[in-house]
Each structure stands twice: as structure tokens, then as C-alpha cells.
N, C-alpha and C. Protein backbone atom coordinates (compact mmCIF):
# COMPACT_ATOMS: atom_id res chain seq x y z
N UNK A 1 0.74 -1.52 -0.01
CA UNK A 1 0.15 0.15 0.34
C UNK A 1 0.67 1.20 0.02
N UNK A 2 1.68 1.23 1.16
CA UNK A 2 2.99 2.58 0.90
C UNK A 2 3.36 2.29 -0.78
N UNK A 3 3.70 1.69 -1.13
CA UNK A 3 4.53 1.80 -2.74
C UNK A 3 3.51 2.12 -3.31
N UNK A 4 1.97 1.73 -3.25
CA UNK A 4 1.07 2.74 -4.48
C UNK A 4 0.81 3.97 -4.06
N UNK A 5 1.39 3.97 -2.40
CA UNK A 5 0.96 5.90 -2.35
C UNK A 5 2.23 6.49 -2.28
N UNK A 6 3.76 5.92 -2.96
CA UNK A 6 4.53 6.77 -3.07
C UNK A 6 4.44 6.96 -4.55
N UNK A 7 4.50 5.69 -5.40
CA UNK A 7 3.61 5.91 -6.76
C UNK A 7 2.69 7.16 -7.51
N UNK A 8 1.85 6.95 -6.58
CA UNK A 8 0.92 8.26 -7.24
C UNK A 8 1.36 8.99 -6.54
N UNK A 9 2.00 9.73 -5.54
CA UNK A 9 2.36 11.04 -4.91
C UNK A 9 3.83 11.68 -5.66
N UNK A 10 4.80 10.79 -6.80
CA UNK A 10 5.71 10.97 -7.58
C UNK A 10 5.22 11.26 -8.69
N UNK A 11 3.87 11.14 -9.43
CA UNK A 11 3.20 10.58 -10.81
C UNK A 11 2.42 12.21 -10.47
N UNK A 12 1.82 12.26 -9.34
CA UNK A 12 0.92 13.90 -9.47
C UNK A 12 2.34 14.95 -9.44
N UNK A 13 3.00 14.80 -8.99
CA UNK A 13 4.37 15.59 -8.66
C UNK A 13 4.75 15.95 -9.80
N UNK A 14 5.22 14.76 -10.65
CA UNK A 14 5.76 15.05 -12.19
C UNK A 14 4.86 16.06 -13.08
N UNK A 15 3.45 15.09 -12.61
CA UNK A 15 2.67 16.33 -13.65
C UNK A 15 2.62 17.31 -13.25
N UNK A 16 2.37 17.78 -12.16
CA UNK A 16 2.47 19.47 -11.88
C UNK A 16 3.50 19.61 -12.30
N UNK A 17 4.95 19.16 -11.93
CA UNK A 17 6.01 20.04 -12.88
C UNK A 17 5.71 19.88 -14.29
N UNK A 18 5.76 19.28 -15.01
CA UNK A 18 5.25 19.37 -16.52
C UNK A 18 4.54 20.23 -16.83
N UNK A 19 3.31 19.90 -16.10
CA UNK A 19 2.40 20.94 -16.17
C UNK A 19 2.36 22.43 -16.02
N UNK A 20 3.95 23.25 -15.11
CA UNK A 20 4.13 24.21 -14.85
C UNK A 20 5.09 24.28 -15.88
N UNK A 21 6.08 23.54 -16.44
CA UNK A 21 6.97 24.10 -17.32
C UNK A 21 6.27 24.29 -18.89
N UNK A 22 5.22 23.32 -18.84
CA UNK A 22 4.25 23.44 -20.43
C UNK A 22 3.47 24.74 -20.54
N UNK A 23 3.17 25.40 -19.24
CA UNK A 23 2.38 26.51 -19.12
C UNK A 23 3.47 27.75 -19.77
N UNK A 24 5.02 27.76 -19.70
CA UNK A 24 5.55 28.19 -20.00
C UNK A 24 6.35 29.40 -18.89
N UNK A 25 7.49 29.96 -19.33
CA UNK A 25 8.05 31.25 -17.98
C UNK A 25 8.25 32.66 -19.43
N UNK A 26 7.58 33.79 -18.84
CA UNK A 26 8.04 34.60 -19.65
C UNK A 26 8.64 35.94 -19.13
N UNK A 27 8.94 36.61 -19.97
CA UNK A 27 10.08 37.42 -19.52
C UNK A 27 9.24 38.83 -19.82
N UNK A 28 9.19 40.22 -19.42
CA UNK A 28 9.07 41.38 -19.92
C UNK A 28 9.48 42.09 -19.10
N UNK A 29 9.60 43.76 -19.35
CA UNK A 29 10.22 44.95 -18.71
C UNK A 29 9.06 46.00 -18.42
N UNK A 30 9.25 46.34 -16.71
CA UNK A 30 8.11 47.03 -16.74
C UNK A 30 8.67 48.45 -16.82
N UNK A 31 7.88 49.52 -16.53
CA UNK A 31 8.24 50.89 -16.98
C UNK A 31 9.59 51.50 -16.11
N UNK A 32 9.76 50.99 -15.52
CA UNK A 32 10.93 51.24 -14.57
C UNK A 32 12.18 51.01 -15.59
N UNK A 33 11.80 49.82 -16.52
CA UNK A 33 12.87 49.57 -16.81
C UNK A 33 13.03 48.15 -16.55
N UNK A 34 13.51 47.87 -15.43
CA UNK A 34 13.34 46.16 -14.41
C UNK A 34 12.85 45.48 -15.17
N UNK A 35 13.86 44.48 -15.77
CA UNK A 35 13.16 43.06 -15.86
C UNK A 35 12.26 42.04 -15.23
N UNK A 36 11.54 41.48 -15.60
CA UNK A 36 10.93 40.63 -14.81
C UNK A 36 10.54 39.12 -15.38
N UNK A 37 10.64 37.56 -14.83
CA UNK A 37 10.71 36.64 -14.95
C UNK A 37 9.31 36.11 -14.21
N UNK A 38 7.97 35.23 -14.80
CA UNK A 38 7.44 34.69 -14.20
C UNK A 38 6.47 34.10 -15.16
N UNK A 39 5.65 32.94 -14.83
CA UNK A 39 4.84 32.27 -15.48
C UNK A 39 3.11 32.99 -15.49
N UNK A 40 3.24 34.18 -15.02
CA UNK A 40 1.77 34.74 -15.24
C UNK A 40 2.07 36.50 -15.38
N UNK A 41 2.01 36.62 -16.36
CA UNK A 41 2.00 38.38 -16.80
C UNK A 41 1.59 39.38 -16.64
N UNK A 42 1.58 40.04 -15.74
CA UNK A 42 0.48 41.11 -15.72
C UNK A 42 -0.32 41.61 -16.62
N UNK A 43 -1.66 41.45 -16.72
CA UNK A 43 -2.58 42.54 -17.88
C UNK A 43 -2.08 43.23 -18.53
N UNK A 44 -0.94 44.66 -17.64
CA UNK A 44 -0.76 45.54 -18.52
C UNK A 44 0.59 45.51 -19.77
N UNK A 45 0.84 44.24 -19.25
CA UNK A 45 2.22 43.99 -20.08
C UNK A 45 2.31 42.63 -20.62
N UNK A 46 1.03 42.36 -21.01
CA UNK A 46 0.59 41.22 -21.95
C UNK A 46 1.31 41.15 -23.45
N UNK A 47 1.29 42.77 -23.97
CA UNK A 47 1.56 42.58 -25.11
C UNK A 47 3.28 42.36 -25.20
N UNK A 48 3.74 42.97 -24.21
CA UNK A 48 5.20 43.29 -24.36
C UNK A 48 5.96 42.10 -23.51
N UNK A 49 5.48 40.83 -23.29
CA UNK A 49 5.53 39.96 -22.35
C UNK A 49 6.40 39.05 -23.65
N UNK A 50 7.83 37.81 -23.73
CA UNK A 50 7.92 37.29 -24.53
C UNK A 50 8.21 36.14 -23.61
N UNK A 51 7.54 34.95 -24.30
CA UNK A 51 8.36 33.35 -23.77
C UNK A 51 9.17 33.43 -23.98
N UNK A 52 10.06 32.36 -22.81
CA UNK A 52 11.30 31.96 -23.17
C UNK A 52 11.15 30.73 -23.40
N UNK A 53 12.24 30.51 -24.19
CA UNK A 53 12.29 28.72 -24.96
C UNK A 53 12.77 27.75 -23.53
N UNK A 54 12.16 26.57 -23.87
CA UNK A 54 13.02 25.46 -23.22
C UNK A 54 12.50 25.92 -21.29
N UNK A 55 13.06 24.79 -20.66
CA UNK A 55 12.53 24.86 -19.13
C UNK A 55 13.33 25.19 -18.15
N UNK A 56 14.66 26.11 -18.46
CA UNK A 56 15.93 26.31 -17.82
C UNK A 56 15.19 27.47 -16.43
N UNK A 57 15.81 27.13 -15.54
CA UNK A 57 15.62 28.41 -14.68
C UNK A 57 16.00 29.61 -15.15
N UNK A 58 15.16 30.73 -15.25
CA UNK A 58 15.55 31.84 -15.51
C UNK A 58 15.76 32.52 -14.41
N UNK A 59 16.47 32.11 -13.42
CA UNK A 59 17.02 32.93 -12.22
C UNK A 59 18.17 33.20 -12.93
N UNK A 60 17.97 34.98 -12.20
CA UNK A 60 19.99 35.17 -12.72
C UNK A 60 20.03 35.80 -14.51
N UNK A 61 18.91 35.41 -15.18
CA UNK A 61 18.85 35.65 -16.26
C UNK A 61 18.07 37.14 -16.97
N UNK A 62 18.72 38.03 -17.69
CA UNK A 62 18.55 38.90 -17.72
C UNK A 62 18.56 39.47 -19.17
N UNK A 63 17.65 39.69 -19.54
CA UNK A 63 17.50 40.35 -21.36
C UNK A 63 18.69 41.30 -21.70
N UNK A 64 19.45 40.66 -22.30
CA UNK A 64 20.66 41.96 -22.52
C UNK A 64 20.77 42.23 -24.15
N UNK A 65 20.75 43.58 -24.52
CA UNK A 65 20.54 43.92 -25.91
C UNK A 65 22.24 44.10 -26.03
N UNK A 66 22.80 44.06 -26.94
CA UNK A 66 24.24 44.24 -27.59
C UNK A 66 24.63 45.94 -27.36
N UNK A 67 25.56 45.49 -26.40
CA UNK A 67 26.03 47.12 -25.91
C UNK A 67 25.80 47.75 -26.85
N UNK A 68 25.66 49.45 -26.86
CA UNK A 68 25.82 50.14 -28.30
C UNK A 68 27.27 50.45 -27.97
N UNK A 69 28.22 50.93 -26.84
CA UNK A 69 29.19 51.40 -26.81
C UNK A 69 30.11 50.00 -26.10
N UNK A 70 31.51 50.02 -27.23
CA UNK A 70 32.35 48.86 -26.97
C UNK A 70 33.34 49.27 -25.67
N UNK A 71 33.90 48.57 -24.80
CA UNK A 71 34.32 48.93 -23.81
C UNK A 71 36.17 49.71 -24.40
N UNK A 72 36.26 49.51 -25.52
CA UNK A 72 37.64 50.62 -25.74
C UNK A 72 36.90 51.57 -25.97
N UNK A 73 35.81 52.01 -26.61
CA UNK A 73 35.18 53.03 -26.63
C UNK A 73 34.84 53.65 -25.20
N UNK A 74 35.12 53.03 -24.30
CA UNK A 74 34.23 53.77 -22.91
C UNK A 74 35.46 54.36 -22.46
N UNK A 75 36.47 53.58 -22.45
CA UNK A 75 38.57 53.66 -22.11
C UNK A 75 38.99 54.71 -22.86
N UNK A 76 38.59 54.75 -24.34
CA UNK A 76 38.90 55.67 -24.63
C UNK A 76 37.94 57.54 -24.03
N UNK A 77 36.80 57.20 -24.19
CA UNK A 77 36.36 58.52 -23.57
C UNK A 77 36.95 58.93 -22.21
N UNK A 78 37.08 57.86 -21.48
CA UNK A 78 37.73 58.10 -19.80
C UNK A 78 39.08 58.76 -20.03
N UNK A 79 40.12 58.38 -21.01
CA UNK A 79 41.31 58.50 -20.91
C UNK A 79 41.18 60.08 -21.24
N UNK A 80 39.72 60.22 -22.29
CA UNK A 80 40.14 61.87 -22.93
C UNK A 80 39.71 62.30 -22.15
N UNK A 81 38.29 62.16 -20.78
CA UNK A 81 38.14 62.87 -19.70
C UNK A 81 39.39 63.20 -18.91
N UNK A 82 39.91 62.12 -18.58
CA UNK A 82 41.19 61.94 -17.73
C UNK A 82 42.16 63.35 -18.10
N UNK A 83 42.18 62.95 -19.66
CA UNK A 83 43.45 63.74 -20.07
C UNK A 83 43.06 65.83 -19.80
N UNK A 84 41.59 65.70 -20.26
CA UNK A 84 41.29 67.43 -20.08
C UNK A 84 40.72 67.51 -18.88
N UNK A 85 40.53 66.81 -17.82
CA UNK A 85 40.59 67.06 -16.05
C UNK A 85 42.19 67.64 -15.72
N UNK A 86 42.77 66.77 -16.45
CA UNK A 86 44.47 66.94 -15.88
C UNK A 86 44.99 68.85 -16.66
N UNK A 87 44.94 68.56 -17.81
CA UNK A 87 44.91 70.37 -18.52
C UNK A 87 44.42 71.04 -17.45
N UNK A 88 42.97 70.65 -17.05
CA UNK A 88 42.04 71.95 -16.67
C UNK A 88 42.96 71.90 -14.81
N UNK A 89 43.29 71.38 -14.54
CA UNK A 89 44.03 70.82 -13.05
C UNK A 89 45.49 71.69 -13.46
N UNK A 90 46.20 71.36 -14.59
CA UNK A 90 47.27 72.29 -14.55
C UNK A 90 46.83 73.72 -15.06
N UNK A 91 46.05 74.11 -16.07
CA UNK A 91 45.56 75.55 -15.94
C UNK A 91 45.42 76.57 -14.63
N UNK A 92 44.61 75.39 -13.64
CA UNK A 92 44.47 76.40 -12.68
C UNK A 92 45.30 76.36 -11.57
N UNK A 93 46.57 75.46 -11.36
CA UNK A 93 47.93 75.53 -11.22
C UNK A 93 48.75 76.91 -11.52
N UNK A 94 48.37 76.89 -12.74
CA UNK A 94 49.41 77.69 -13.17
C UNK A 94 48.66 79.04 -13.72
N UNK A 95 47.62 79.49 -13.09
CA UNK A 95 46.82 80.44 -12.64
C UNK A 95 46.98 80.77 -11.48
N UNK A 96 47.23 79.92 -10.46
CA UNK A 96 46.98 80.34 -9.17
C UNK A 96 48.82 80.59 -8.89
N UNK A 97 49.59 80.04 -9.49
CA UNK A 97 50.94 80.27 -9.36
C UNK A 97 50.94 81.93 -9.89
N UNK A 98 50.97 82.20 -10.95
CA UNK A 98 50.81 83.64 -11.56
C UNK A 98 50.05 85.14 -10.91
N UNK A 99 49.07 84.44 -9.88
CA UNK A 99 48.37 85.18 -9.04
C UNK A 99 49.27 85.45 -7.97
N UNK A 100 49.95 84.32 -7.48
CA UNK A 100 51.05 84.53 -6.31
C UNK A 100 51.93 85.39 -6.32
N UNK A 101 52.52 85.03 -7.99
CA UNK A 101 53.71 85.61 -8.18
C UNK A 101 53.02 87.11 -8.42
N UNK A 102 51.97 87.65 -8.68
CA UNK A 102 52.03 88.84 -8.70
C UNK A 102 51.62 89.86 -7.56
N UNK A 103 51.12 88.81 -6.69
CA UNK A 103 50.75 89.71 -4.91
C UNK A 103 51.99 89.60 -4.48
N UNK A 104 53.02 88.74 -4.82
CA UNK A 104 54.69 88.99 -4.60
C UNK A 104 55.01 90.08 -4.79
N UNK A 105 55.00 90.03 -6.28
CA UNK A 105 55.31 91.50 -6.90
C UNK A 105 55.20 92.68 -6.44
N UNK A 106 53.78 92.98 -6.12
CA UNK A 106 52.61 93.56 -5.62
C UNK A 106 53.39 94.22 -4.27
N UNK A 107 53.55 93.33 -3.23
CA UNK A 107 53.97 93.53 -1.97
C UNK A 107 55.67 93.90 -1.83
N UNK A 108 56.15 93.71 -2.83
CA UNK A 108 57.45 93.98 -2.90
C UNK A 108 57.73 95.14 -3.16
N UNK A 109 57.22 95.49 -4.64
CA UNK A 109 57.27 97.05 -4.84
C UNK A 109 56.36 97.95 -3.89
N UNK A 110 55.37 97.66 -3.10
CA UNK A 110 54.87 98.28 -2.10
C UNK A 110 56.12 98.87 -0.57
N UNK A 111 56.59 97.76 -0.58
CA UNK A 111 57.80 97.82 0.70
C UNK A 111 58.91 98.68 0.35
N UNK A 112 59.11 98.45 -1.05
CA UNK A 112 60.55 99.63 -1.97
C UNK A 112 60.17 100.61 -2.01
N UNK A 113 59.01 100.40 -2.30
CA UNK A 113 58.42 102.69 -2.38
C UNK A 113 58.28 102.85 -0.83
N UNK A 114 58.17 101.99 -0.30
CA UNK A 114 57.68 102.20 0.91
C UNK A 114 59.03 103.05 1.95
N UNK A 115 60.34 101.85 1.39
CA UNK A 115 61.24 102.34 1.64
C UNK A 115 62.58 103.96 1.15
N UNK A 116 61.57 103.65 -0.61
CA UNK A 116 62.02 104.56 -0.66
C UNK A 116 61.69 106.35 -0.68
N UNK A 117 60.76 106.17 0.18
CA UNK A 117 60.05 107.57 0.71
C UNK A 117 60.42 107.99 1.77
N UNK A 118 60.70 106.85 3.07
CA UNK A 118 60.87 107.06 4.24
C UNK A 118 62.47 107.51 4.20
N UNK A 119 63.09 107.05 3.41
CA UNK A 119 64.84 107.26 3.74
C UNK A 119 65.45 108.21 2.60
N UNK A 120 66.39 109.38 3.42
CA UNK A 120 66.48 110.73 2.37
C UNK A 120 67.63 110.17 1.26
N UNK A 121 68.34 108.82 1.90
CA UNK A 121 69.62 108.73 1.01
C UNK A 121 69.22 107.06 0.29
N UNK A 122 69.44 106.30 0.00
CA UNK A 122 69.15 105.20 -0.85
C UNK A 122 70.51 103.96 -1.04
N UNK A 123 71.10 103.19 -0.56
CA UNK A 123 72.14 103.08 -1.14
C UNK A 123 71.97 101.74 -2.14
N UNK A 124 72.66 101.13 -2.93
CA UNK A 124 72.36 100.45 -3.95
C UNK A 124 73.69 99.78 -3.87
N UNK A 125 73.44 98.38 -4.56
CA UNK A 125 74.54 97.46 -4.74
C UNK A 125 75.04 97.51 -6.46
N UNK A 126 76.15 97.64 -6.87
CA UNK A 126 76.60 97.57 -8.30
C UNK A 126 76.44 96.53 -8.53
N UNK A 127 77.02 96.12 -10.12
CA UNK A 127 77.19 94.68 -10.03
C UNK A 127 78.53 94.23 -9.88
N UNK A 128 79.30 95.31 -9.77
CA UNK A 128 80.62 94.67 -9.24
C UNK A 128 81.12 94.61 -7.33
N UNK A 129 79.79 94.75 -7.03
CA UNK A 129 79.58 94.53 -5.86
C UNK A 129 80.29 95.54 -5.12
N UNK A 130 80.53 96.79 -5.50
CA UNK A 130 80.57 98.25 -4.68
C UNK A 130 79.37 98.81 -4.25
N UNK A 131 78.76 99.62 -3.23
CA UNK A 131 77.76 100.15 -2.97
C UNK A 131 78.02 101.69 -3.32
N UNK A 132 76.97 102.13 -3.74
CA UNK A 132 76.57 103.59 -3.92
C UNK A 132 75.26 104.61 -3.61
N UNK A 133 75.47 105.38 -3.23
CA UNK A 133 74.07 106.55 -3.29
C UNK A 133 74.03 106.86 -4.17
N UNK A 134 72.81 106.43 -4.47
CA UNK A 134 71.51 107.00 -5.63
C UNK A 134 71.65 108.90 -5.42
N UNK A 135 71.47 109.24 -6.65
CA UNK A 135 71.16 110.55 -6.30
C UNK A 135 69.82 110.45 -6.61
N UNK A 136 69.41 111.98 -5.83
CA UNK A 136 67.95 112.63 -6.49
C UNK A 136 67.28 112.14 -7.22
N UNK A 137 67.85 112.52 -8.68
CA UNK A 137 66.96 112.21 -9.76
C UNK A 137 66.87 110.52 -9.78
N UNK A 138 67.72 109.69 -9.49
CA UNK A 138 67.76 108.63 -9.88
C UNK A 138 66.82 107.88 -8.49
N UNK A 139 66.96 108.55 -7.40
CA UNK A 139 65.40 108.13 -6.63
C UNK A 139 64.32 108.64 -7.02
N UNK A 140 64.01 109.54 -7.73
CA UNK A 140 62.73 109.69 -8.36
C UNK A 140 62.24 108.68 -8.97
N UNK A 141 63.30 108.97 -9.86
CA UNK A 141 62.93 107.90 -11.32
C UNK A 141 62.75 106.10 -10.61
N UNK A 142 63.89 105.74 -9.71
CA UNK A 142 62.98 104.32 -9.22
C UNK A 142 61.47 104.91 -8.42
N UNK A 143 61.12 105.92 -7.92
CA UNK A 143 59.84 105.22 -7.53
C UNK A 143 58.93 105.57 -8.45
N UNK A 144 59.04 106.31 -9.43
CA UNK A 144 58.20 106.32 -10.44
C UNK A 144 57.64 104.93 -11.40
N UNK A 145 59.14 103.84 -11.30
CA UNK A 145 59.21 102.88 -11.66
C UNK A 145 58.06 101.65 -10.94
N UNK A 146 58.57 101.98 -9.18
CA UNK A 146 57.89 101.34 -8.29
C UNK A 146 56.66 101.61 -8.64
N UNK A 147 56.16 102.82 -8.71
CA UNK A 147 54.53 103.49 -8.93
C UNK A 147 53.83 102.72 -10.25
N UNK A 148 55.01 102.41 -11.31
CA UNK A 148 54.39 101.73 -12.46
C UNK A 148 54.24 99.98 -12.06
N UNK A 149 55.21 99.55 -11.43
CA UNK A 149 54.69 98.57 -11.20
C UNK A 149 54.25 97.93 -10.03
N UNK A 150 53.75 98.98 -9.10
CA UNK A 150 52.60 98.91 -8.00
C UNK A 150 51.01 98.75 -9.18
N UNK A 151 51.20 99.77 -10.10
CA UNK A 151 49.63 99.81 -10.79
C UNK A 151 49.66 98.62 -11.86
N UNK A 152 50.76 97.77 -11.68
CA UNK A 152 50.93 96.64 -13.01
C UNK A 152 50.48 95.37 -11.67
N UNK A 153 51.15 95.09 -10.96
CA UNK A 153 51.15 93.83 -9.96
C UNK A 153 49.59 94.06 -8.76
N UNK A 154 49.36 95.05 -8.86
CA UNK A 154 48.42 95.68 -7.23
C UNK A 154 46.93 95.57 -8.25
N UNK A 155 46.95 95.79 -9.23
CA UNK A 155 45.48 95.96 -10.21
C UNK A 155 44.71 94.37 -10.03
N UNK A 156 43.62 94.94 -9.81
CA UNK A 156 42.68 93.98 -9.69
C UNK A 156 41.60 94.18 -10.72
């Protein structure tokens, strides 16, 4: 008797398994672009559903289309973007260095002009290493030159 029950149970199980596979497994994509699998398709996706062939498990399978962009193209785009970013960073560094230089030159010109104005006599070092005092005309010329430098470097 137990043998007949086991055979009947196995037969029913196999019948249900075969009928489930015969019903088919469908795949459809919802409005958010997510791919779904199932033996029953929601009514709103009936026209968009596709019956899968065979009776293998759809777990982990997704409908994939051929990629429109190859891996090589993506790599080239990434390299190009990195080059552009590096160029931009270099430009920013160069601009910052130029601004820093201008600020330093501005500060030096202002400091030197202050020294020229507060001292009656100014001593300068010649190319041969000897020191000499500037004449009144030379001092006036230097002050004019420093004022020009201040206009050039301190202008914002």
C-alpha cells in the first residue's frame, strides 16, 4: 500500500512539474526598465511579454541587448576625460602661480616704495659688488618705476 502511495505522489508531482513548464516562463520589462520573469504576466504587460524557450530556470538571467558602446570606446572616453581634467588642473595651478607671483611682486613694490619715501638717501649695490648712493634724480626715477609696478601688479 505504501508503494502505491509513493507512486501516486510521484506521478502527481511530475504532472504538476510538467504542466508548470508547459505553461511557460515569460519575461517582460516594466515602466522603470526592470526585467521580470514569471509564469503569469500582469495584464498591462501582456503585449510586451516574451515566452522563454526551454524549461531552464530564469533565475539570474536578464534580457541583454548588444552594448552600443564597446569597452574600448568607454576606455578612450575615460582617457580623454582624464586628459581634459589634467589640463584643467594644470591651467588652474598655472593661474594660481601667476596670481601668487603678482601678489608677491605687488608686496615687494609697495615695500620698496615705502623704503624709498622714508629714507633721504638710498644705497644700492652695483654689479661689481661695490655700494653707492642714489642721486636725487635716480631716486625719483626709481619711485616712478615702483609706482608703475604697483599699478601693474596690484591692479585687481
